[in-house]
N, C-alpha and C. Protein backbone atom coordinates (compact mmCIF):
# COMPACT_ATOMS: atom_id res chain seq x y z
N ASP A 1 118.03 132.42 211.35
CA ASP A 1 117.13 133.55 211.32
C ASP A 1 117.54 134.46 210.17
N ASP A 2 116.64 134.67 209.22
CA ASP A 2 116.96 135.50 208.07
C ASP A 2 116.41 136.92 208.19
N SER A 3 116.02 137.36 209.40
CA SER A 3 115.46 138.70 209.56
C SER A 3 116.47 139.78 209.24
N THR A 4 117.76 139.55 209.57
CA THR A 4 118.77 140.56 209.23
C THR A 4 118.97 140.63 207.73
N LEU A 5 118.82 139.51 207.04
CA LEU A 5 118.96 139.51 205.59
C LEU A 5 117.87 140.36 204.95
N ARG A 6 116.67 140.31 205.49
CA ARG A 6 115.57 141.08 204.93
C ARG A 6 115.72 142.57 205.18
N THR A 7 116.36 142.95 206.28
CA THR A 7 116.46 144.37 206.61
C THR A 7 117.71 145.02 206.03
N GLN A 8 118.73 144.25 205.69
CA GLN A 8 119.94 144.84 205.11
C GLN A 8 119.67 145.29 203.68
N LYS A 9 120.22 146.42 203.33
CA LYS A 9 120.10 146.92 201.97
C LYS A 9 121.49 146.87 201.33
N PRO A 10 121.64 146.17 200.22
CA PRO A 10 122.94 146.16 199.57
C PRO A 10 123.21 147.54 198.95
N HIS A 11 124.47 147.83 198.74
CA HIS A 11 124.86 149.11 198.16
C HIS A 11 125.12 148.96 196.66
N TYR A 12 124.66 147.89 196.12
CA TYR A 12 124.83 147.58 194.71
C TYR A 12 123.58 146.85 194.24
N ALA A 13 123.37 146.89 192.95
CA ALA A 13 122.26 146.14 192.36
C ALA A 13 122.81 144.82 191.83
N VAL A 14 122.03 143.76 191.95
CA VAL A 14 122.44 142.45 191.45
C VAL A 14 121.45 142.01 190.39
N ARG A 15 121.98 141.53 189.28
CA ARG A 15 121.12 140.95 188.25
C ARG A 15 121.81 139.71 187.70
N SER A 16 121.00 138.78 187.26
CA SER A 16 121.58 137.56 186.69
C SER A 16 121.51 137.62 185.18
N VAL A 17 122.54 137.11 184.54
CA VAL A 17 122.60 137.01 183.09
C VAL A 17 123.16 135.63 182.75
N GLU A 18 122.92 135.21 181.53
CA GLU A 18 123.43 133.92 181.08
C GLU A 18 124.46 134.16 180.00
N PHE A 19 125.67 133.67 180.23
CA PHE A 19 126.76 133.72 179.25
C PHE A 19 127.09 132.28 178.88
N ASP A 20 126.89 131.93 177.64
CA ASP A 20 127.22 130.58 177.14
C ASP A 20 126.66 129.48 178.03
N GLY A 21 125.42 129.63 178.46
CA GLY A 21 124.75 128.61 179.24
C GLY A 21 125.08 128.61 180.73
N VAL A 22 125.90 129.57 181.17
CA VAL A 22 126.27 129.66 182.59
C VAL A 22 125.65 130.93 183.18
N ILE A 23 125.00 130.78 184.32
CA ILE A 23 124.39 131.93 184.99
C ILE A 23 125.48 132.71 185.74
N TRP A 24 125.53 134.00 185.52
CA TRP A 24 126.43 134.91 186.22
C TRP A 24 125.58 135.90 186.99
N TYR A 25 126.12 136.40 188.09
CA TYR A 25 125.46 137.41 188.90
C TYR A 25 126.32 138.67 188.85
N LEU A 26 125.77 139.71 188.24
CA LEU A 26 126.52 140.95 188.05
C LEU A 26 126.13 141.96 189.11
N LEU A 27 127.13 142.49 189.81
CA LEU A 27 126.94 143.52 190.82
C LEU A 27 127.27 144.85 190.17
N HIS A 28 126.36 145.80 190.31
CA HIS A 28 126.54 147.10 189.67
C HIS A 28 126.37 148.22 190.69
N TRP A 29 127.29 149.15 190.67
CA TRP A 29 127.21 150.37 191.48
C TRP A 29 126.87 151.52 190.54
N ASP A 30 126.02 152.44 190.98
CA ASP A 30 125.58 153.54 190.11
C ASP A 30 126.72 154.42 189.62
N ASN A 31 127.78 154.56 190.40
CA ASN A 31 128.86 155.46 190.04
C ASN A 31 129.97 154.79 189.23
N LEU A 32 129.78 153.54 188.79
CA LEU A 32 130.81 152.82 188.04
C LEU A 32 130.31 152.40 186.67
N SER A 33 131.22 152.37 185.72
CA SER A 33 130.84 151.90 184.39
C SER A 33 130.97 150.38 184.27
N GLY A 34 131.82 149.76 185.09
CA GLY A 34 132.01 148.32 185.04
C GLY A 34 131.13 147.61 186.05
N GLU A 35 131.24 146.28 186.04
CA GLU A 35 130.46 145.46 186.96
C GLU A 35 131.35 144.34 187.48
N VAL A 36 131.02 143.86 188.67
CA VAL A 36 131.71 142.72 189.26
C VAL A 36 130.84 141.49 189.00
N GLY A 37 131.42 140.45 188.44
CA GLY A 37 130.68 139.24 188.11
C GLY A 37 131.05 138.07 189.00
N LEU A 38 130.04 137.41 189.55
CA LEU A 38 130.22 136.20 190.36
C LEU A 38 129.47 135.05 189.70
N ARG A 39 130.00 133.84 189.80
CA ARG A 39 129.38 132.68 189.17
C ARG A 39 128.48 131.91 190.11
N SER A 40 128.43 132.30 191.38
CA SER A 40 127.69 131.52 192.35
C SER A 40 126.70 132.38 193.12
N ALA A 41 125.45 131.94 193.14
CA ALA A 41 124.44 132.63 193.94
C ALA A 41 124.79 132.56 195.42
N THR A 42 125.42 131.49 195.83
CA THR A 42 125.85 131.35 197.22
C THR A 42 126.86 132.43 197.58
N ASP A 43 127.79 132.72 196.65
CA ASP A 43 128.77 133.78 196.91
C ASP A 43 128.09 135.14 197.03
N VAL A 44 127.08 135.39 196.21
CA VAL A 44 126.34 136.65 196.28
C VAL A 44 125.64 136.76 197.63
N LEU A 45 124.99 135.69 198.06
CA LEU A 45 124.29 135.69 199.35
C LEU A 45 125.28 135.87 200.50
N HIS A 46 126.40 135.17 200.42
CA HIS A 46 127.44 135.30 201.45
C HIS A 46 127.95 136.74 201.51
N LEU A 47 128.19 137.33 200.37
CA LEU A 47 128.65 138.71 200.29
C LEU A 47 127.62 139.66 200.89
N HIS A 48 126.36 139.43 200.58
CA HIS A 48 125.29 140.26 201.11
C HIS A 48 125.18 140.14 202.63
N ARG A 49 125.27 138.93 203.13
CA ARG A 49 125.16 138.72 204.58
C ARG A 49 126.37 139.25 205.33
N GLU A 50 127.55 139.11 204.72
CA GLU A 50 128.78 139.54 205.38
C GLU A 50 128.85 141.06 205.46
N GLY A 51 128.28 141.75 204.46
CA GLY A 51 128.23 143.20 204.47
C GLY A 51 129.56 143.88 204.61
N PRO A 52 130.51 143.69 203.64
CA PRO A 52 131.84 144.27 203.78
C PRO A 52 131.88 145.79 203.66
N GLY A 53 130.79 146.41 203.27
CA GLY A 53 130.77 147.87 203.16
C GLY A 53 130.20 148.32 201.84
N PRO A 54 129.86 149.59 201.75
CA PRO A 54 129.18 150.07 200.55
C PRO A 54 130.09 150.24 199.34
N ALA A 55 131.37 150.48 199.56
CA ALA A 55 132.26 150.79 198.44
C ALA A 55 132.66 149.54 197.68
N VAL A 56 132.81 149.69 196.38
CA VAL A 56 133.22 148.58 195.54
C VAL A 56 134.59 148.06 195.98
N ARG A 57 135.47 148.95 196.44
CA ARG A 57 136.79 148.51 196.93
C ARG A 57 136.66 147.53 198.09
N ASN A 58 135.71 147.80 198.99
CA ASN A 58 135.51 146.91 200.14
C ASN A 58 135.02 145.54 199.69
N VAL A 59 134.11 145.53 198.73
CA VAL A 59 133.58 144.27 198.21
C VAL A 59 134.68 143.48 197.52
N ILE A 60 135.45 144.14 196.67
CA ILE A 60 136.53 143.44 195.95
C ILE A 60 137.59 142.94 196.93
N ARG A 61 137.95 143.75 197.89
CA ARG A 61 138.93 143.32 198.90
C ARG A 61 138.42 142.10 199.67
N TYR A 62 137.14 142.10 200.01
CA TYR A 62 136.55 140.96 200.70
C TYR A 62 136.61 139.70 199.83
N LEU A 63 136.28 139.83 198.55
CA LEU A 63 136.34 138.69 197.63
C LEU A 63 137.77 138.16 197.53
N LEU A 64 138.75 139.06 197.42
CA LEU A 64 140.15 138.65 197.33
C LEU A 64 140.60 137.96 198.62
N ASP A 65 140.27 138.55 199.77
CA ASP A 65 140.65 137.95 201.05
C ASP A 65 140.04 136.57 201.24
N SER A 66 138.82 136.39 200.73
CA SER A 66 138.10 135.13 200.91
C SER A 66 138.45 134.09 199.85
N GLY A 67 139.19 134.49 198.81
CA GLY A 67 139.53 133.55 197.74
C GLY A 67 138.35 133.21 196.85
N ILE A 68 137.35 134.09 196.81
CA ILE A 68 136.16 133.86 195.98
C ILE A 68 136.46 134.34 194.56
N PRO A 69 136.31 133.47 193.55
CA PRO A 69 136.58 133.90 192.18
C PRO A 69 135.55 134.90 191.69
N PHE A 70 136.02 135.90 190.95
CA PHE A 70 135.14 136.91 190.38
C PHE A 70 135.81 137.54 189.17
N ASN A 71 135.06 138.33 188.45
CA ASN A 71 135.57 139.09 187.32
C ASN A 71 135.16 140.53 187.47
N THR A 72 135.95 141.43 186.89
CA THR A 72 135.58 142.84 186.80
C THR A 72 135.34 143.13 185.33
N PHE A 73 134.09 143.23 184.95
CA PHE A 73 133.72 143.35 183.54
C PHE A 73 133.64 144.81 183.10
N ILE A 74 134.07 145.04 181.87
CA ILE A 74 133.76 146.29 181.18
C ILE A 74 132.94 145.91 179.96
N ARG A 75 132.11 146.83 179.52
CA ARG A 75 131.32 146.58 178.32
C ARG A 75 132.07 147.10 177.11
N ALA A 76 132.07 146.31 176.09
CA ALA A 76 132.72 146.67 174.83
C ALA A 76 132.07 145.86 173.73
N PRO A 77 132.18 146.33 172.49
CA PRO A 77 131.59 145.56 171.39
C PRO A 77 132.24 144.19 171.26
N TYR A 78 131.44 143.23 170.81
CA TYR A 78 131.94 141.88 170.60
C TYR A 78 132.82 141.87 169.35
N ARG A 79 133.90 141.11 169.43
CA ARG A 79 134.70 140.84 168.24
C ARG A 79 135.45 139.54 168.46
N VAL A 80 135.69 138.85 167.39
CA VAL A 80 136.38 137.57 167.48
C VAL A 80 137.85 137.82 167.72
N VAL A 81 138.39 137.17 168.75
CA VAL A 81 139.80 137.29 169.08
C VAL A 81 140.45 135.94 168.80
N PRO A 82 141.49 135.93 167.96
CA PRO A 82 142.14 134.64 167.68
C PRO A 82 142.80 134.09 168.93
N PRO A 83 142.78 132.75 169.09
CA PRO A 83 143.42 132.17 170.28
C PRO A 83 144.93 132.39 170.22
N PRO A 84 145.59 132.46 171.38
CA PRO A 84 147.05 132.62 171.37
C PRO A 84 147.70 131.38 170.78
N PRO A 85 148.91 131.53 170.23
CA PRO A 85 149.58 130.36 169.66
C PRO A 85 149.88 129.33 170.75
N LYS A 86 149.79 128.07 170.38
CA LYS A 86 150.07 126.99 171.33
C LYS A 86 151.58 126.90 171.54
N PRO A 87 152.02 126.89 172.80
CA PRO A 87 153.46 126.76 173.06
C PRO A 87 153.93 125.34 172.77
N ARG A 88 155.22 125.20 172.45
CA ARG A 88 155.77 123.88 172.19
C ARG A 88 155.76 123.04 173.46
N PHE A 89 156.17 123.63 174.56
CA PHE A 89 156.10 122.99 175.87
C PHE A 89 155.23 123.88 176.74
N SER A 90 154.34 123.28 177.49
CA SER A 90 153.49 124.11 178.33
C SER A 90 154.13 124.31 179.69
N GLY A 91 153.69 125.35 180.35
CA GLY A 91 154.20 125.64 181.68
C GLY A 91 155.65 126.05 181.63
N LEU A 92 156.45 125.44 182.48
CA LEU A 92 157.87 125.81 182.58
C LEU A 92 158.77 124.97 181.69
N GLY A 93 158.18 124.25 180.76
CA GLY A 93 158.97 123.51 179.79
C GLY A 93 159.02 122.02 180.06
N PHE A 94 160.04 121.37 179.53
CA PHE A 94 160.17 119.93 179.55
C PHE A 94 161.40 119.53 180.35
N ARG A 95 161.30 118.44 181.09
CA ARG A 95 162.43 117.89 181.83
C ARG A 95 162.55 116.40 181.50
N PRO A 96 163.77 115.89 181.46
CA PRO A 96 163.94 114.46 181.17
C PRO A 96 163.46 113.59 182.33
N ALA A 97 163.29 112.31 182.06
CA ALA A 97 162.87 111.37 183.11
C ALA A 97 163.88 111.39 184.25
N ASN A 98 163.38 111.20 185.46
CA ASN A 98 164.19 111.16 186.68
C ASN A 98 164.97 112.45 186.94
N TYR A 99 164.46 113.55 186.46
CA TYR A 99 165.12 114.84 186.64
C TYR A 99 165.01 115.28 188.10
N PRO A 100 166.12 115.60 188.76
CA PRO A 100 166.06 116.08 190.14
C PRO A 100 165.97 117.62 190.15
N PRO A 101 164.88 118.19 190.62
CA PRO A 101 164.76 119.65 190.66
C PRO A 101 165.85 120.27 191.55
N SER A 102 166.25 121.49 191.20
CA SER A 102 167.32 122.15 191.96
C SER A 102 166.88 123.57 192.34
N GLY A 103 167.75 124.23 193.05
CA GLY A 103 167.50 125.62 193.41
C GLY A 103 167.36 126.53 192.19
N LEU A 104 168.06 126.17 191.12
CA LEU A 104 167.94 126.95 189.89
C LEU A 104 166.54 126.84 189.29
N ASP A 105 165.91 125.68 189.46
CA ASP A 105 164.53 125.52 188.99
C ASP A 105 163.60 126.49 189.75
N TRP A 106 163.83 126.59 191.06
CA TRP A 106 163.01 127.49 191.89
C TRP A 106 163.20 128.95 191.44
N ILE A 107 164.44 129.34 191.20
CA ILE A 107 164.72 130.71 190.75
C ILE A 107 164.08 130.94 189.38
N GLY A 108 164.20 129.96 188.49
CA GLY A 108 163.58 130.07 187.17
C GLY A 108 162.06 130.18 187.26
N TYR A 109 161.47 129.38 188.14
CA TYR A 109 160.01 129.46 188.35
C TYR A 109 159.60 130.85 188.82
N GLN A 110 160.29 131.37 189.84
CA GLN A 110 159.93 132.68 190.35
C GLN A 110 160.04 133.76 189.27
N HIS A 111 161.08 133.68 188.46
CA HIS A 111 161.26 134.66 187.38
C HIS A 111 160.11 134.58 186.38
N GLU A 112 159.79 133.37 185.94
CA GLU A 112 158.72 133.20 184.94
C GLU A 112 157.35 133.57 185.52
N ALA A 113 157.09 133.18 186.76
CA ALA A 113 155.81 133.52 187.40
C ALA A 113 155.67 135.03 187.54
N GLN A 114 156.75 135.72 187.92
CA GLN A 114 156.69 137.17 188.04
C GLN A 114 156.42 137.82 186.69
N LYS A 115 157.02 137.30 185.62
CA LYS A 115 156.75 137.86 184.28
C LYS A 115 155.27 137.79 183.95
N VAL A 116 154.64 136.65 184.24
CA VAL A 116 153.21 136.49 183.97
C VAL A 116 152.39 137.39 184.88
N LEU A 117 152.66 137.33 186.17
CA LEU A 117 151.82 138.03 187.14
C LEU A 117 151.99 139.54 187.06
N ARG A 118 153.12 140.03 186.64
CA ARG A 118 153.32 141.47 186.54
C ARG A 118 152.97 142.02 185.17
N SER A 119 152.43 141.16 184.31
CA SER A 119 151.94 141.61 183.00
C SER A 119 150.60 142.31 183.21
N PRO A 120 150.10 143.03 182.21
CA PRO A 120 148.81 143.71 182.37
C PRO A 120 147.67 142.78 182.75
N ARG A 121 147.75 141.50 182.37
CA ARG A 121 146.66 140.56 182.68
C ARG A 121 146.90 139.77 183.96
N GLY A 122 148.00 140.03 184.66
CA GLY A 122 148.32 139.29 185.87
C GLY A 122 147.24 139.41 186.94
N ARG A 123 146.50 140.52 186.91
CA ARG A 123 145.43 140.72 187.89
C ARG A 123 144.38 139.62 187.81
N ALA A 124 144.26 138.98 186.66
CA ALA A 124 143.28 137.90 186.50
C ALA A 124 143.59 136.73 187.44
N ALA A 125 144.87 136.52 187.76
CA ALA A 125 145.24 135.44 188.68
C ALA A 125 144.70 135.71 190.08
N LEU A 126 144.78 136.95 190.54
CA LEU A 126 144.23 137.29 191.86
C LEU A 126 142.74 137.05 191.90
N MET A 127 142.05 137.43 190.84
CA MET A 127 140.58 137.31 190.81
C MET A 127 140.12 135.87 190.60
N ALA A 128 141.05 134.98 190.20
CA ALA A 128 140.67 133.58 189.98
C ALA A 128 140.36 132.86 191.28
N GLY A 129 140.87 133.39 192.40
CA GLY A 129 140.64 132.73 193.67
C GLY A 129 141.42 131.43 193.74
N GLY A 130 141.14 130.63 194.75
CA GLY A 130 141.77 129.33 194.90
C GLY A 130 143.28 129.40 194.97
N ILE A 131 143.95 128.33 194.52
CA ILE A 131 145.41 128.26 194.60
C ILE A 131 146.06 129.32 193.73
N LEU A 132 145.49 129.60 192.57
CA LEU A 132 146.04 130.61 191.68
C LEU A 132 146.04 131.98 192.35
N GLY A 133 144.94 132.32 193.01
CA GLY A 133 144.85 133.59 193.73
C GLY A 133 145.83 133.65 194.90
N ARG A 134 146.01 132.53 195.59
CA ARG A 134 146.93 132.52 196.73
C ARG A 134 148.38 132.72 196.27
N ILE A 135 148.74 132.09 195.17
CA ILE A 135 150.10 132.28 194.63
C ILE A 135 150.27 133.73 194.20
N ALA A 136 149.29 134.28 193.52
CA ALA A 136 149.37 135.65 193.02
C ALA A 136 149.53 136.66 194.16
N LYS A 137 148.96 136.37 195.34
CA LYS A 137 149.08 137.28 196.48
C LYS A 137 150.54 137.46 196.91
N ASP A 138 151.40 136.48 196.63
CA ASP A 138 152.82 136.61 196.97
C ASP A 138 153.55 137.59 196.06
N PHE A 139 152.98 137.88 194.90
CA PHE A 139 153.64 138.72 193.92
C PHE A 139 152.94 140.06 193.67
N LEU A 140 151.63 140.12 193.94
CA LEU A 140 150.84 141.28 193.54
C LEU A 140 150.15 141.95 194.72
N ASP A 141 149.94 143.22 194.58
CA ASP A 141 149.16 143.99 195.54
C ASP A 141 147.72 144.05 195.04
N TYR A 142 146.77 144.10 195.95
CA TYR A 142 145.36 144.16 195.57
C TYR A 142 145.04 145.35 194.68
N ASP A 143 145.81 146.41 194.79
CA ASP A 143 145.50 147.61 194.01
C ASP A 143 145.45 147.36 192.51
N CYS A 144 146.17 146.35 192.02
CA CYS A 144 146.15 146.10 190.58
C CYS A 144 144.77 145.67 190.10
N VAL A 145 143.96 145.09 190.98
CA VAL A 145 142.61 144.68 190.60
C VAL A 145 141.73 145.90 190.36
N PHE A 146 142.01 146.99 191.07
CA PHE A 146 141.21 148.20 190.92
C PHE A 146 141.57 148.99 189.68
N LEU A 147 142.67 148.66 189.04
CA LEU A 147 143.08 149.34 187.81
C LEU A 147 142.43 148.63 186.63
N VAL A 148 141.22 149.06 186.31
CA VAL A 148 140.49 148.43 185.21
C VAL A 148 141.21 148.76 183.91
N PRO A 149 141.54 147.77 183.10
CA PRO A 149 142.30 148.01 181.88
C PRO A 149 141.49 148.75 180.84
N LEU A 150 142.18 149.33 179.89
CA LEU A 150 141.52 150.01 178.78
C LEU A 150 140.85 148.99 177.87
N ASP A 151 139.82 149.42 177.17
CA ASP A 151 139.07 148.53 176.29
C ASP A 151 139.99 147.76 175.34
N GLU A 152 140.97 148.45 174.73
CA GLU A 152 141.82 147.81 173.74
C GLU A 152 142.63 146.68 174.35
N ASP A 153 143.14 146.90 175.59
CA ASP A 153 143.94 145.87 176.25
C ASP A 153 143.13 144.61 176.51
N VAL A 154 141.91 144.79 177.00
CA VAL A 154 141.07 143.65 177.33
C VAL A 154 140.61 142.93 176.08
N VAL A 155 140.19 143.68 175.08
CA VAL A 155 139.67 143.08 173.86
C VAL A 155 140.78 142.31 173.14
N ASP A 156 142.02 142.78 173.23
CA ASP A 156 143.12 142.08 172.55
C ASP A 156 143.60 140.84 173.29
N GLY A 157 143.54 140.81 174.62
CA GLY A 157 144.09 139.68 175.34
C GLY A 157 143.16 139.10 176.38
N GLY A 158 141.90 139.50 176.35
CA GLY A 158 140.99 139.06 177.40
C GLY A 158 140.00 138.04 176.93
N VAL A 159 138.97 137.90 177.73
CA VAL A 159 137.91 136.95 177.43
C VAL A 159 136.60 137.73 177.33
N CYS A 160 135.76 137.30 176.41
CA CYS A 160 134.48 137.97 176.18
C CYS A 160 133.35 137.05 176.59
N TYR A 161 132.42 137.61 177.36
CA TYR A 161 131.20 136.91 177.72
C TYR A 161 130.06 137.69 177.09
N GLN A 162 129.17 136.98 176.43
CA GLN A 162 128.06 137.65 175.78
C GLN A 162 126.75 137.05 176.24
N ASP A 163 125.82 137.94 176.56
CA ASP A 163 124.49 137.54 176.95
C ASP A 163 123.86 136.76 175.78
N THR A 164 122.91 135.91 176.07
CA THR A 164 122.29 135.10 175.03
C THR A 164 121.38 135.93 174.12
N SER A 165 121.04 137.13 174.50
CA SER A 165 120.21 138.00 173.68
C SER A 165 121.03 138.52 172.51
N PRO A 166 120.48 138.50 171.28
CA PRO A 166 121.26 138.93 170.12
C PRO A 166 121.61 140.42 170.14
N THR A 167 120.90 141.23 170.89
CA THR A 167 121.18 142.66 170.93
C THR A 167 121.91 143.07 172.21
N SER A 168 122.39 142.10 172.95
CA SER A 168 122.98 142.40 174.25
C SER A 168 124.40 142.93 174.11
N ASP A 169 124.87 143.50 175.22
CA ASP A 169 126.25 143.94 175.30
C ASP A 169 127.16 142.74 175.50
N SER A 170 128.43 142.97 175.22
CA SER A 170 129.45 141.98 175.54
C SER A 170 130.21 142.47 176.75
N TYR A 171 130.65 141.54 177.59
CA TYR A 171 131.37 141.87 178.81
C TYR A 171 132.77 141.28 178.70
N TRP A 172 133.78 142.12 178.93
CA TRP A 172 135.16 141.73 178.76
C TRP A 172 135.91 141.83 180.08
N ASP A 173 136.87 140.94 180.25
CA ASP A 173 137.78 141.02 181.39
C ASP A 173 139.10 140.36 181.01
N ASP A 174 140.12 140.65 181.81
CA ASP A 174 141.41 140.01 181.61
C ASP A 174 141.29 138.51 181.84
N ALA A 175 142.15 137.77 181.18
CA ALA A 175 142.18 136.31 181.37
C ALA A 175 143.60 135.83 181.12
N LEU A 176 143.98 134.81 181.86
CA LEU A 176 145.27 134.17 181.64
C LEU A 176 145.05 132.99 180.69
N THR A 177 146.06 132.70 179.88
CA THR A 177 145.99 131.52 179.02
C THR A 177 146.25 130.28 179.88
N GLU A 178 145.94 129.11 179.35
CA GLU A 178 146.23 127.87 180.07
C GLU A 178 147.73 127.76 180.35
N ASP A 179 148.56 128.18 179.40
CA ASP A 179 150.00 128.11 179.60
C ASP A 179 150.44 129.04 180.73
N GLU A 180 149.87 130.25 180.79
CA GLU A 180 150.22 131.18 181.87
C GLU A 180 149.80 130.62 183.23
N ILE A 181 148.66 129.96 183.27
CA ILE A 181 148.21 129.33 184.53
C ILE A 181 149.19 128.24 184.94
N ARG A 182 149.65 127.45 183.99
CA ARG A 182 150.63 126.39 184.31
C ARG A 182 151.94 126.98 184.81
N ILE A 183 152.36 128.10 184.23
CA ILE A 183 153.59 128.75 184.68
C ILE A 183 153.43 129.23 186.12
N VAL A 184 152.33 129.92 186.41
CA VAL A 184 152.12 130.44 187.76
C VAL A 184 152.05 129.29 188.78
N CYS A 185 151.48 128.17 188.38
CA CYS A 185 151.37 127.02 189.30
C CYS A 185 152.66 126.19 189.34
N GLY A 186 153.66 126.55 188.54
CA GLY A 186 154.95 125.85 188.59
C GLY A 186 154.96 124.51 187.91
N THR A 187 154.19 124.36 186.85
CA THR A 187 154.07 123.07 186.17
C THR A 187 155.12 122.93 185.06
N TYR A 188 155.78 121.80 185.04
CA TYR A 188 156.61 121.46 183.88
C TYR A 188 156.38 119.99 183.53
N SER A 189 156.64 119.66 182.26
CA SER A 189 156.42 118.30 181.77
C SER A 189 157.67 117.46 182.03
N VAL A 190 157.46 116.22 182.41
CA VAL A 190 158.56 115.30 182.67
C VAL A 190 158.38 114.06 181.80
N ALA A 191 159.42 113.66 181.13
CA ALA A 191 159.37 112.45 180.29
C ALA A 191 159.16 111.23 181.18
N THR A 192 158.39 110.27 180.65
CA THR A 192 158.17 109.03 181.41
C THR A 192 158.76 107.85 180.68
């Protein structure tokens, strides 16, 4: 029965935009300059039906608790950002064949993961949902997601999504590099 869906009024406006051929659903509150972006219409419908509350904090907390991936976008001018340098070894480095992991490996992993997650962009791991979000919950408090970074921080180390319209705004958010994701997930290379 969808009668409750028809009578509920969301406390945010939803609009769809296309970034690089992918449809995004942007949630906007009148009192905020940023927007929350979801990649799935199903997630938007689920959020609407679940009704976590009118405040953006309630919506974001619900998304984090549910492991639903999302972004918190700010608008900023588009500019080309050079990719980060490729590391020599990805993740936690290289290990020889038949390497037996030890307690020191675990301590090293925790140290490296904390460095990534406690960096200004570590909040991106929480918003990624899935296993990355679950790992990040062991190191981070949800409040870091509510601390929207300054334009310069995001533009220098974040990801830019641009609407397909040539006069459109660009939307920026924090992002982890592939190497940072491998570190947080505890990945190291082993010789074969």
